[in-house]
Amino acid sequence: MSTSFDGVKPGLENRTDRVVDESMLTLHSGGAGLLSTPSMILLMELTAHGAVDQTLPNGHTTVGYEVCVRHLAPARAGEAVAVTARLEEVSGSHLHFAVECTKENGDVLVGTGTHKRAIIPSLG
């Protein structure tokens, strides 16, 4: 039996607003630390999943399988960042997103790139 993903269409978007906290910092750069690339990527992945979560068939979820991003500017503890994900393409169960992280009301691009997820049956 095949599953239809008709509700998952290009154009779906999500946004996550977050204040950078100590758990998100990389400290090897010195000083008080900066937003780590893995923390930025995690926010991008969670935001992308959130863009489609409510449109998935019952018993399904998404998992990430490719990330291609550039971390372009620092964000310090206490600074607010906004992460956006926009579903650009659906190919069967494969989802291709444009992702972006900004600060200062969108005036500073912290990171940008693409992220791919796959729709799979939920485990358990």
N, C-alpha and C. Protein backbone atom coordinates (compact mmCIF):
# COMPACT_ATOMS: atom_id res chain seq x y z
N MET A 1 0.84 -1.16 0.00
CA MET A 1 0.00 0.00 0.00
C MET A 1 0.89 1.23 0.00
N SER A 2 0.63 2.15 -0.91
CA SER A 2 1.43 3.36 -0.98
C SER A 2 0.77 4.46 -0.15
N THR A 3 1.60 5.37 0.32
CA THR A 3 1.11 6.48 1.14
C THR A 3 1.19 7.75 0.33
N SER A 4 0.14 8.55 0.41
CA SER A 4 0.11 9.82 -0.32
C SER A 4 0.65 10.93 0.57
N PHE A 5 1.48 11.77 -0.02
CA PHE A 5 2.01 12.94 0.68
C PHE A 5 1.45 14.22 0.06
N ASP A 6 0.18 14.17 -0.37
CA ASP A 6 -0.43 15.28 -1.10
C ASP A 6 -0.41 16.60 -0.34
N GLY A 7 -0.46 16.55 0.99
CA GLY A 7 -0.47 17.79 1.77
C GLY A 7 0.87 18.47 1.85
N VAL A 8 1.92 17.75 1.47
CA VAL A 8 3.28 18.28 1.55
C VAL A 8 3.62 18.91 0.19
N LYS A 9 3.55 20.23 0.13
CA LYS A 9 3.70 20.93 -1.14
C LYS A 9 4.76 22.03 -1.03
N PRO A 10 5.47 22.31 -2.12
CA PRO A 10 6.39 23.43 -2.11
C PRO A 10 5.68 24.71 -1.67
N GLY A 11 6.43 25.53 -0.96
CA GLY A 11 5.88 26.78 -0.46
C GLY A 11 5.60 26.77 1.02
N LEU A 12 5.53 25.58 1.63
CA LEU A 12 5.34 25.52 3.07
C LEU A 12 6.53 26.16 3.76
N GLU A 13 6.26 26.95 4.80
CA GLU A 13 7.32 27.67 5.50
C GLU A 13 7.15 27.55 7.00
N ASN A 14 8.25 27.77 7.71
CA ASN A 14 8.22 27.83 9.16
C ASN A 14 9.31 28.78 9.62
N ARG A 15 9.12 29.32 10.81
CA ARG A 15 10.10 30.24 11.39
C ARG A 15 10.26 29.89 12.87
N THR A 16 11.51 29.92 13.33
CA THR A 16 11.83 29.73 14.73
C THR A 16 12.60 30.94 15.21
N ASP A 17 12.10 31.58 16.25
CA ASP A 17 12.80 32.70 16.89
C ASP A 17 13.42 32.17 18.17
N ARG A 18 14.69 32.47 18.37
CA ARG A 18 15.40 31.93 19.53
C ARG A 18 16.45 32.92 20.00
N VAL A 19 16.58 33.03 21.30
CA VAL A 19 17.67 33.80 21.87
C VAL A 19 18.82 32.84 22.11
N VAL A 20 20.00 33.19 21.62
CA VAL A 20 21.17 32.33 21.78
C VAL A 20 21.50 32.23 23.27
N ASP A 21 21.57 31.00 23.76
CA ASP A 21 21.91 30.80 25.17
C ASP A 21 23.22 30.02 25.28
N GLU A 22 23.67 29.85 26.50
CA GLU A 22 24.98 29.23 26.75
C GLU A 22 25.11 27.83 26.15
N SER A 23 24.00 27.07 26.11
CA SER A 23 24.05 25.71 25.59
C SER A 23 24.33 25.67 24.08
N MET A 24 24.20 26.80 23.40
CA MET A 24 24.35 26.87 21.95
C MET A 24 25.71 27.41 21.51
N LEU A 25 26.58 27.67 22.47
CA LEU A 25 27.85 28.35 22.17
C LEU A 25 28.99 27.38 21.92
N THR A 26 29.89 27.81 21.08
CA THR A 26 31.18 27.16 20.95
C THR A 26 32.17 28.05 21.69
N LEU A 27 32.96 27.45 22.54
CA LEU A 27 33.85 28.24 23.40
C LEU A 27 35.29 28.23 22.93
N HIS A 28 35.65 27.39 21.98
CA HIS A 28 37.04 27.32 21.53
C HIS A 28 37.47 28.57 20.77
N SER A 29 36.50 29.41 20.40
CA SER A 29 36.84 30.64 19.66
C SER A 29 37.33 31.74 20.60
N GLY A 30 37.25 31.48 21.90
CA GLY A 30 37.73 32.46 22.88
C GLY A 30 36.61 33.37 23.32
N GLY A 31 36.91 34.18 24.31
CA GLY A 31 35.92 35.12 24.82
C GLY A 31 34.72 34.40 25.40
N ALA A 32 33.57 35.05 25.30
CA ALA A 32 32.34 34.51 25.87
C ALA A 32 31.70 33.44 25.00
N GLY A 33 32.24 33.20 23.81
CA GLY A 33 31.70 32.18 22.92
C GLY A 33 30.74 32.77 21.90
N LEU A 34 30.47 31.97 20.88
CA LEU A 34 29.60 32.35 19.78
C LEU A 34 28.67 31.20 19.44
N LEU A 35 27.56 31.53 18.75
CA LEU A 35 26.65 30.49 18.28
C LEU A 35 27.44 29.47 17.47
N SER A 36 27.35 28.20 17.87
CA SER A 36 28.09 27.16 17.15
C SER A 36 27.36 26.79 15.87
N THR A 37 28.12 26.34 14.90
CA THR A 37 27.51 25.89 13.64
C THR A 37 26.58 24.71 13.88
N PRO A 38 26.96 23.71 14.69
CA PRO A 38 26.00 22.61 14.94
C PRO A 38 24.69 23.10 15.57
N SER A 39 24.74 24.10 16.44
CA SER A 39 23.50 24.62 17.04
C SER A 39 22.65 25.32 15.99
N MET A 40 23.29 26.07 15.09
CA MET A 40 22.56 26.72 14.01
C MET A 40 21.90 25.68 13.11
N ILE A 41 22.65 24.64 12.77
CA ILE A 41 22.11 23.58 11.92
C ILE A 41 20.94 22.87 12.60
N LEU A 42 21.05 22.61 13.90
CA LEU A 42 19.95 21.99 14.62
C LEU A 42 18.68 22.84 14.52
N LEU A 43 18.82 24.14 14.71
CA LEU A 43 17.66 25.02 14.57
C LEU A 43 17.08 24.96 13.16
N MET A 44 17.94 24.89 12.16
CA MET A 44 17.48 24.80 10.77
C MET A 44 16.72 23.49 10.54
N GLU A 45 17.26 22.38 11.05
CA GLU A 45 16.60 21.09 10.89
C GLU A 45 15.24 21.07 11.58
N LEU A 46 15.18 21.54 12.81
CA LEU A 46 13.92 21.55 13.55
C LEU A 46 12.89 22.45 12.88
N THR A 47 13.34 23.57 12.35
CA THR A 47 12.44 24.51 11.67
C THR A 47 11.90 23.89 10.38
N ALA A 48 12.76 23.20 9.64
CA ALA A 48 12.31 22.54 8.41
C ALA A 48 11.28 21.46 8.74
N HIS A 49 11.56 20.64 9.74
CA HIS A 49 10.59 19.60 10.12
C HIS A 49 9.26 20.24 10.50
N GLY A 50 9.33 21.34 11.26
CA GLY A 50 8.11 22.02 11.67
C GLY A 50 7.29 22.58 10.52
N ALA A 51 7.93 22.86 9.41
CA ALA A 51 7.21 23.38 8.24
C ALA A 51 6.24 22.36 7.66
N VAL A 52 6.54 21.09 7.81
CA VAL A 52 5.72 20.05 7.19
C VAL A 52 5.03 19.13 8.19
N ASP A 53 5.40 19.20 9.45
CA ASP A 53 4.93 18.25 10.45
C ASP A 53 3.41 18.06 10.44
N GLN A 54 2.66 19.15 10.39
CA GLN A 54 1.20 19.06 10.47
C GLN A 54 0.56 18.57 9.18
N THR A 55 1.33 18.47 8.09
CA THR A 55 0.77 18.02 6.82
C THR A 55 1.09 16.55 6.52
N LEU A 56 1.88 15.93 7.38
CA LEU A 56 2.27 14.53 7.16
C LEU A 56 1.12 13.58 7.47
N PRO A 57 1.05 12.46 6.75
CA PRO A 57 0.04 11.45 7.09
C PRO A 57 0.31 10.91 8.50
N ASN A 58 -0.76 10.43 9.13
CA ASN A 58 -0.60 9.81 10.45
C ASN A 58 0.45 8.71 10.38
N GLY A 59 1.26 8.63 11.43
CA GLY A 59 2.26 7.56 11.50
C GLY A 59 3.53 7.86 10.72
N HIS A 60 3.73 9.12 10.31
CA HIS A 60 4.92 9.49 9.54
C HIS A 60 5.63 10.67 10.18
N THR A 61 6.92 10.77 9.93
CA THR A 61 7.74 11.87 10.40
C THR A 61 8.77 12.17 9.32
N THR A 62 9.68 13.10 9.59
CA THR A 62 10.77 13.35 8.66
C THR A 62 12.10 13.21 9.37
N VAL A 63 13.10 12.84 8.59
CA VAL A 63 14.48 12.77 9.09
C VAL A 63 15.38 13.50 8.10
N GLY A 64 16.38 14.19 8.64
CA GLY A 64 17.33 14.89 7.78
C GLY A 64 18.35 13.94 7.20
N TYR A 65 18.75 14.19 5.96
CA TYR A 65 19.80 13.35 5.37
C TYR A 65 20.86 14.16 4.63
N GLU A 66 20.68 15.48 4.52
CA GLU A 66 21.72 16.30 3.91
C GLU A 66 21.59 17.73 4.39
N VAL A 67 22.74 18.32 4.73
CA VAL A 67 22.80 19.72 5.12
C VAL A 67 23.95 20.36 4.36
N CYS A 68 23.68 21.49 3.72
CA CYS A 68 24.72 22.23 3.03
C CYS A 68 24.51 23.71 3.35
N VAL A 69 25.21 24.17 4.40
CA VAL A 69 25.03 25.55 4.85
C VAL A 69 26.36 26.25 5.03
N ARG A 70 26.30 27.57 4.98
CA ARG A 70 27.47 28.40 5.27
C ARG A 70 27.14 29.24 6.49
N HIS A 71 28.06 29.24 7.44
CA HIS A 71 27.91 30.06 8.64
C HIS A 71 28.69 31.35 8.36
N LEU A 72 27.98 32.47 8.23
CA LEU A 72 28.56 33.69 7.68
C LEU A 72 28.88 34.78 8.70
N ALA A 73 28.19 34.78 9.83
CA ALA A 73 28.38 35.86 10.80
C ALA A 73 28.18 35.32 12.20
N PRO A 74 28.81 35.94 13.19
CA PRO A 74 28.67 35.47 14.57
C PRO A 74 27.35 35.92 15.19
N ALA A 75 26.92 35.15 16.17
CA ALA A 75 25.81 35.56 17.05
C ALA A 75 26.25 35.21 18.47
N ARG A 76 26.09 36.16 19.36
CA ARG A 76 26.56 36.01 20.73
C ARG A 76 25.41 35.62 21.67
N ALA A 77 25.76 35.11 22.83
CA ALA A 77 24.76 34.80 23.85
C ALA A 77 23.93 36.05 24.12
N GLY A 78 22.62 35.85 24.18
CA GLY A 78 21.70 36.96 24.42
C GLY A 78 21.14 37.59 23.17
N GLU A 79 21.77 37.33 22.02
CA GLU A 79 21.25 37.87 20.76
C GLU A 79 20.12 36.98 20.25
N ALA A 80 19.12 37.62 19.66
CA ALA A 80 18.00 36.89 19.08
C ALA A 80 18.32 36.54 17.63
N VAL A 81 18.03 35.29 17.26
CA VAL A 81 18.17 34.87 15.87
C VAL A 81 16.81 34.37 15.38
N ALA A 82 16.60 34.48 14.09
CA ALA A 82 15.40 33.96 13.45
C ALA A 82 15.85 32.97 12.38
N VAL A 83 15.29 31.77 12.45
CA VAL A 83 15.62 30.72 11.48
C VAL A 83 14.36 30.46 10.66
N THR A 84 14.53 30.46 9.33
CA THR A 84 13.40 30.18 8.44
C THR A 84 13.74 28.98 7.57
N ALA A 85 12.70 28.25 7.23
CA ALA A 85 12.82 27.12 6.31
C ALA A 85 11.65 27.19 5.35
N ARG A 86 11.95 27.04 4.07
CA ARG A 86 10.92 27.06 3.04
C ARG A 86 11.08 25.81 2.18
N LEU A 87 10.00 25.05 2.05
CA LEU A 87 10.02 23.85 1.23
C LEU A 87 10.03 24.26 -0.23
N GLU A 88 11.12 23.94 -0.91
CA GLU A 88 11.30 24.35 -2.31
C GLU A 88 10.89 23.26 -3.30
N GLU A 89 11.08 21.99 -2.92
CA GLU A 89 10.83 20.90 -3.87
C GLU A 89 10.43 19.64 -3.11
N VAL A 90 9.49 18.91 -3.70
CA VAL A 90 9.08 17.61 -3.18
C VAL A 90 9.30 16.60 -4.29
N SER A 91 10.07 15.57 -4.00
CA SER A 91 10.34 14.51 -4.97
C SER A 91 10.03 13.17 -4.30
N GLY A 92 8.81 12.70 -4.46
CA GLY A 92 8.38 11.49 -3.76
C GLY A 92 8.35 11.77 -2.27
N SER A 93 9.19 11.05 -1.52
CA SER A 93 9.26 11.26 -0.07
C SER A 93 10.43 12.15 0.32
N HIS A 94 11.12 12.72 -0.67
CA HIS A 94 12.28 13.58 -0.39
C HIS A 94 11.89 15.06 -0.47
N LEU A 95 12.30 15.80 0.56
CA LEU A 95 11.93 17.20 0.69
C LEU A 95 13.18 18.06 0.66
N HIS A 96 13.18 19.11 -0.14
CA HIS A 96 14.34 20.00 -0.29
C HIS A 96 13.96 21.40 0.21
N PHE A 97 14.67 21.88 1.21
CA PHE A 97 14.37 23.16 1.85
C PHE A 97 15.47 24.18 1.60
N ALA A 98 15.08 25.44 1.53
CA ALA A 98 16.01 26.58 1.65
C ALA A 98 15.93 27.00 3.11
N VAL A 99 17.09 27.17 3.75
CA VAL A 99 17.14 27.54 5.16
C VAL A 99 18.00 28.78 5.34
N GLU A 100 17.66 29.55 6.39
CA GLU A 100 18.37 30.79 6.63
C GLU A 100 18.30 31.13 8.12
N CYS A 101 19.37 31.72 8.62
CA CYS A 101 19.42 32.22 9.99
C CYS A 101 19.85 33.67 9.93
N THR A 102 19.07 34.56 10.57
CA THR A 102 19.38 35.98 10.57
C THR A 102 19.33 36.51 12.00
N LYS A 103 19.87 37.72 12.18
CA LYS A 103 19.73 38.43 13.45
C LYS A 103 19.49 39.90 13.14
N GLU A 104 19.22 40.66 14.20
CA GLU A 104 18.96 42.11 14.05
C GLU A 104 17.84 42.37 13.05
N ASN A 105 16.70 41.71 13.32
CA ASN A 105 15.49 41.88 12.50
C ASN A 105 15.72 41.56 11.02
N GLY A 106 16.56 40.60 10.76
CA GLY A 106 16.81 40.17 9.39
C GLY A 106 17.88 40.94 8.67
N ASP A 107 18.48 41.93 9.34
CA ASP A 107 19.49 42.76 8.69
C ASP A 107 20.85 42.06 8.54
N VAL A 108 21.12 41.05 9.38
CA VAL A 108 22.41 40.35 9.33
C VAL A 108 22.15 38.88 9.04
N LEU A 109 22.72 38.40 7.95
CA LEU A 109 22.61 37.00 7.58
C LEU A 109 23.68 36.21 8.33
N VAL A 110 23.24 35.35 9.24
CA VAL A 110 24.16 34.54 10.04
C VAL A 110 24.52 33.26 9.30
N GLY A 111 23.54 32.64 8.64
CA GLY A 111 23.79 31.41 7.91
C GLY A 111 22.74 31.18 6.85
N THR A 112 23.12 30.47 5.80
CA THR A 112 22.19 30.20 4.70
C THR A 112 22.59 28.91 4.01
N GLY A 113 21.61 28.27 3.37
CA GLY A 113 21.92 27.06 2.63
C GLY A 113 20.70 26.24 2.32
N THR A 114 20.93 24.93 2.20
CA THR A 114 19.87 23.99 1.87
C THR A 114 19.88 22.84 2.86
N HIS A 115 18.74 22.21 2.98
CA HIS A 115 18.59 21.06 3.87
C HIS A 115 17.61 20.10 3.22
N LYS A 116 17.94 18.81 3.26
CA LYS A 116 17.07 17.79 2.69
C LYS A 116 16.59 16.84 3.78
N ARG A 117 15.31 16.51 3.70
CA ARG A 117 14.69 15.59 4.65
C ARG A 117 13.93 14.53 3.88
N ALA A 118 13.70 13.40 4.52
CA ALA A 118 12.91 12.32 3.93
C ALA A 118 11.73 12.01 4.84
N ILE A 119 10.58 11.74 4.24
CA ILE A 119 9.42 11.30 4.99
C ILE A 119 9.54 9.80 5.20
N ILE A 120 9.40 9.38 6.46
CA ILE A 120 9.52 7.96 6.79
C ILE A 120 8.39 7.59 7.77
N PRO A 121 8.07 6.28 7.87
CA PRO A 121 7.14 5.87 8.91
C PRO A 121 7.74 6.15 10.29
N SER A 122 6.90 6.60 11.22
CA SER A 122 7.38 6.83 12.58
C SER A 122 7.77 5.51 13.20
N LEU A 123 8.81 5.54 14.01
CA LEU A 123 9.26 4.35 14.71
C LEU A 123 8.48 4.23 16.02
N GLY A 124 8.21 2.98 16.40
CA GLY A 124 7.56 2.76 17.70
C GLY A 124 6.13 2.78 17.56
